[in-house]
Protein backbone atom coordinates (compact mmCIF):
# COMPACT_ATOMS: atom_id res chain seq x y z
CA MET A 1 91.43 123.46 88.67
CA ALA A 2 91.35 124.01 92.55
CA THR A 3 89.15 122.52 95.21
CA TYR A 4 87.13 125.06 97.27
CA GLU A 5 85.23 124.03 100.34
CA TYR A 6 81.79 125.35 101.16
CA LEU A 7 79.57 124.88 104.20
CA CYS A 8 75.88 124.76 103.89
CA SER A 9 73.98 125.48 107.15
CA ARG A 10 71.59 122.58 106.43
CA CYS A 11 73.50 119.99 104.70
CA GLY A 12 77.12 120.45 105.91
CA PRO A 13 80.29 120.77 104.10
CA PHE A 14 80.95 120.12 100.42
CA ASP A 15 83.78 120.64 97.82
CA VAL A 16 83.68 122.28 94.43
CA LYS A 17 86.33 122.20 91.76
CA LEU A 18 86.59 125.54 89.95
CA ALA A 19 89.29 127.49 88.01
CA ILE A 20 91.79 129.04 90.38
CA GLY A 21 90.74 132.50 91.48
CA THR A 22 87.15 132.19 90.35
CA ALA A 23 85.51 130.93 93.56
CA PRO A 24 82.64 133.10 94.79
CA LYS A 25 82.04 133.92 98.31
CA ALA A 26 78.78 131.91 98.21
CA HIS A 27 77.87 128.89 96.16
CA GLY A 28 74.62 126.83 95.65
CA CYS A 29 74.45 123.61 97.74
CA PRO A 30 74.19 120.55 95.50
CA GLU A 31 71.62 118.83 97.77
CA CYS A 32 69.30 121.56 98.85
CA ALA A 33 70.16 124.43 96.47
CA GLY A 34 70.41 126.72 99.32
CA GLU A 35 73.27 129.24 99.66
CA ALA A 36 76.53 127.99 101.28
CA ARG A 37 79.44 130.16 102.39
CA ARG A 38 83.07 129.54 101.45
CA VAL A 39 85.21 128.05 104.18
CA PHE A 40 88.91 128.61 104.17
CA SER A 41 90.95 125.72 105.30
CA SER A 42 94.63 124.63 105.21
CA PRO A 43 96.01 123.54 101.72
CA GLY A 44 96.60 119.87 101.16
CA LEU A 45 100.35 120.03 101.31
CA SER A 46 102.58 117.24 102.38
CA ARG A 47 106.28 116.64 102.81
CA THR A 48 107.94 113.77 100.96
CA SER A 49 111.28 112.26 101.24
CA ASN A 50 114.05 113.36 98.82
CA ALA A 51 113.94 109.77 97.41
CA ALA A 52 110.15 109.89 96.75
CA ALA A 53 110.42 113.32 95.24
CA ALA A 54 113.15 112.22 92.87
CA LEU A 55 111.11 109.11 91.78
CA ARG A 56 108.13 111.33 91.13
CA ALA A 57 110.12 113.88 89.11
CA ARG A 58 111.73 110.94 87.11
CA GLU A 59 108.19 109.53 86.50
CA GLU A 60 106.83 112.82 85.37
CA GLN A 61 109.84 113.39 83.08
CA SER A 62 109.45 110.01 81.44
CA ARG A 63 105.73 110.83 80.81
CA GLU A 64 106.71 113.80 78.58
CA ALA A 65 110.05 112.60 77.06
CA PRO A 66 110.43 108.76 77.56
CA ALA A 67 113.90 107.40 77.15
CA VAL A 68 113.90 105.12 73.96
CA VAL A 69 115.96 101.93 74.37
CA SER A 70 117.01 100.21 71.24
CA GLU A 71 119.47 97.66 72.65
CA LEU A 72 120.59 96.30 76.07
CA PRO A 73 123.16 98.39 77.91
CA PRO A 74 126.79 97.23 77.60
CA GLY A 75 128.01 94.93 80.37
CA THR A 76 124.67 93.68 81.69
CA GLY A 77 125.44 90.12 80.77
CA VAL A 78 121.82 89.38 80.05
CA ARG A 79 120.83 87.84 76.80
CA PRO A 80 117.40 88.36 75.51
CA ARG A 81 115.36 85.12 75.66
CA THR A 82 113.72 83.97 72.51
CA HIS A 83 110.83 81.62 72.29
CA PRO A 84 111.95 78.00 71.41
CA SER A 85 109.47 77.93 68.36
CA LEU A 86 110.82 81.05 66.80
CA PRO A 87 113.69 79.42 64.85
CA ARG A 88 111.04 76.96 63.29
CA LEU A 89 108.92 79.81 61.84
CA PRO A 90 109.10 80.22 58.03
CA ARG A 91 111.34 83.07 56.91
CA PRO A 92 110.75 85.06 53.77
């Protein structure tokens, strides 16, 4: 989906989300139902730092194929904490 900008002569600018490449030259205004013409504006692009781009890529990758951890990595020196009442629970 892409966001297309239209300008109504009575109500002003408004945005419409449509499939890419399907935006007509004119669209009905959501407020007055009049015809609004399509306005071409600059795309919403921004530059990010390499570190932020790497974090975003890593986050997106973990969304699709998360890393499964079954034990602590070697050499961390951290022992998992257990609740003090766990040893008193009945065991089968």
